[in-house]
Amino acid sequence: MGNVAKHNDMEKEIFEEEIAMCRELSQKNGGKCNWGECEKCGVVPLLHKLGNGKIYENEDEVKELKRSILQ
């Protein structure tokens, strides 16, 4: 895991709703949503940065994060 941000900008409830939406759309649409392909998308790492203060920069960490969230 990467660095920890100085503060959380996103409320936990919003974070959970957004992550759930990503998971639902990915599962429903075979790894895609209207924004593109989940494999190439940066939304999940961004949500974790804003919601949890965790920064994922390493490619393997990002892949593992997406896999754990979207499945």
C-alpha atoms as a PDB file:
ATOM      1  CA  MET A   1       0.000   0.000   0.000  1.00  0.00           C
ATOM      2  CA  GLY A   2       1.138   3.504  -0.751  1.00  0.00           C
ATOM      3  CA  ASN A   3       1.181   6.711   1.218  1.00  0.00           C
ATOM      4  CA  VAL A   4      -1.637   7.895   3.428  1.00  0.00           C
ATOM      5  CA  ALA A   5      -3.343  11.150   2.483  1.00  0.00           C
ATOM      6  CA  LYS A   6      -3.530  13.933   5.064  1.00  0.00           C
ATOM      7  CA  HIS A   7      -7.319  13.841   5.368  1.00  0.00           C
ATOM      8  CA  ASN A   8     -10.391  12.083   4.041  1.00  0.00           C
ATOM      9  CA  ASP A   9     -12.494  14.197   1.716  1.00  0.00           C
ATOM     10  CA  MET A  10     -15.265  11.670   1.156  1.00  0.00           C
ATOM     11  CA  GLU A  11     -17.810  10.534   3.725  1.00  0.00           C
ATOM     12  CA  LYS A  12     -17.819   6.795   4.432  1.00  0.00           C
ATOM     13  CA  GLU A  13     -21.430   6.375   3.292  1.00  0.00           C
ATOM     14  CA  ILE A  14     -20.709   7.957  -0.093  1.00  0.00           C
ATOM     15  CA  PHE A  15     -17.531   5.901  -0.444  1.00  0.00           C
ATOM     16  CA  GLU A  16     -19.444   2.669   0.217  1.00  0.00           C
ATOM     17  CA  GLU A  17     -22.202   3.623  -2.245  1.00  0.00           C
ATOM     18  CA  GLU A  18     -19.720   4.443  -5.003  1.00  0.00           C
ATOM     19  CA  ILE A  19     -17.710   1.244  -4.464  1.00  0.00           C
ATOM     20  CA  ALA A  20     -20.952  -0.771  -4.493  1.00  0.00           C
ATOM     21  CA  MET A  21     -21.967   0.881  -7.752  1.00  0.00           C
ATOM     22  CA  CYS A  22     -18.628  -0.009  -9.354  1.00  0.00           C
ATOM     23  CA  ARG A  23     -18.944  -3.608  -8.166  1.00  0.00           C
ATOM     24  CA  GLU A  24     -22.548  -3.948  -9.354  1.00  0.00           C
ATOM     25  CA  LEU A  25     -21.919  -2.454 -12.784  1.00  0.00           C
ATOM     26  CA  SER A  26     -18.756  -4.486 -13.300  1.00  0.00           C
ATOM     27  CA  GLN A  27     -20.509  -7.740 -12.444  1.00  0.00           C
ATOM     28  CA  LYS A  28     -23.652  -6.873 -14.396  1.00  0.00           C
ATOM     29  CA  ASN A  29     -21.837  -5.709 -17.540  1.00  0.00           C
ATOM     30  CA  GLY A  30     -18.910  -8.114 -17.730  1.00  0.00           C
ATOM     31  CA  GLY A  31     -16.207  -5.767 -16.421  1.00  0.00           C
ATOM     32  CA  LYS A  32     -17.491  -2.578 -18.047  1.00  0.00           C
ATOM     33  CA  CYS A  33     -19.648   0.438 -17.308  1.00  0.00           C
ATOM     34  CA  ASN A  34     -20.542   3.551 -19.274  1.00  0.00           C
ATOM     35  CA  TRP A  35     -17.135   5.044 -18.403  1.00  0.00           C
ATOM     36  CA  GLY A  36     -15.157   2.173 -19.896  1.00  0.00           C
ATOM     37  CA  GLU A  37     -13.445  -1.064 -18.908  1.00  0.00           C
ATOM     38  CA  CYS A  38     -12.907  -1.742 -15.215  1.00  0.00           C
ATOM     39  CA  GLU A  39      -9.457  -3.189 -15.883  1.00  0.00           C
ATOM     40  CA  LYS A  40      -8.280   0.159 -17.290  1.00  0.00           C
ATOM     41  CA  CYS A  41     -10.313   2.410 -14.977  1.00  0.00           C
ATOM     42  CA  GLY A  42      -8.882   4.517 -12.162  1.00  0.00           C
ATOM     43  CA  VAL A  43     -12.113   5.081 -10.227  1.00  0.00           C
ATOM     44  CA  VAL A  44     -11.590   2.385  -7.563  1.00  0.00           C
ATOM     45  CA  PRO A  45      -8.084   3.578  -6.607  1.00  0.00           C
ATOM     46  CA  LEU A  46      -9.319   7.186  -6.643  1.00  0.00           C
ATOM     47  CA  LEU A  47     -12.252   6.331  -4.366  1.00  0.00           C
ATOM     48  CA  HIS A  48      -9.843   4.661  -1.947  1.00  0.00           C
ATOM     49  CA  LYS A  49      -7.611   7.718  -1.996  1.00  0.00           C
ATOM     50  CA  LEU A  50     -10.520  10.071  -1.271  1.00  0.00           C
ATOM     51  CA  GLY A  51     -12.433   7.791   1.069  1.00  0.00           C
ATOM     52  CA  ASN A  52      -9.720   5.990   3.007  1.00  0.00           C
ATOM     53  CA  GLY A  53      -6.686   8.162   2.468  1.00  0.00           C
ATOM     54  CA  LYS A  54      -4.802   5.240   0.905  1.00  0.00           C
ATOM     55  CA  ILE A  55      -2.839   5.779  -2.268  1.00  0.00           C
ATOM     56  CA  TYR A  56      -2.279   2.832  -4.599  1.00  0.00           C
ATOM     57  CA  GLU A  57       0.388   3.518  -7.214  1.00  0.00           C
ATOM     58  CA  ASN A  58       2.058   0.138  -7.775  1.00  0.00           C
ATOM     59  CA  GLU A  59       0.467  -1.673 -10.719  1.00  0.00           C
ATOM     60  CA  ASP A  60       0.202  -4.968  -8.819  1.00  0.00           C
ATOM     61  CA  GLU A  61      -1.418  -3.236  -5.820  1.00  0.00           C
ATOM     62  CA  VAL A  62      -3.965  -1.551  -8.105  1.00  0.00           C
ATOM     63  CA  LYS A  63      -4.794  -4.846  -9.837  1.00  0.00           C
ATOM     64  CA  GLU A  64      -5.252  -6.613  -6.482  1.00  0.00           C
ATOM     65  CA  LEU A  65      -7.402  -3.764  -5.149  1.00  0.00           C
ATOM     66  CA  LYS A  66      -9.665  -3.850  -8.207  1.00  0.00           C
ATOM     67  CA  ARG A  67      -9.903  -7.643  -8.092  1.00  0.00           C
ATOM     68  CA  SER A  68     -10.874  -7.613  -4.412  1.00  0.00           C
ATOM     69  CA  ILE A  69     -13.458  -4.842  -4.877  1.00  0.00           C
ATOM     70  CA  LEU A  70     -15.054  -5.825  -8.175  1.00  0.00           C
ATOM     71  CA  GLN A  71     -15.526  -9.547  -7.561  1.00  0.00           C
END
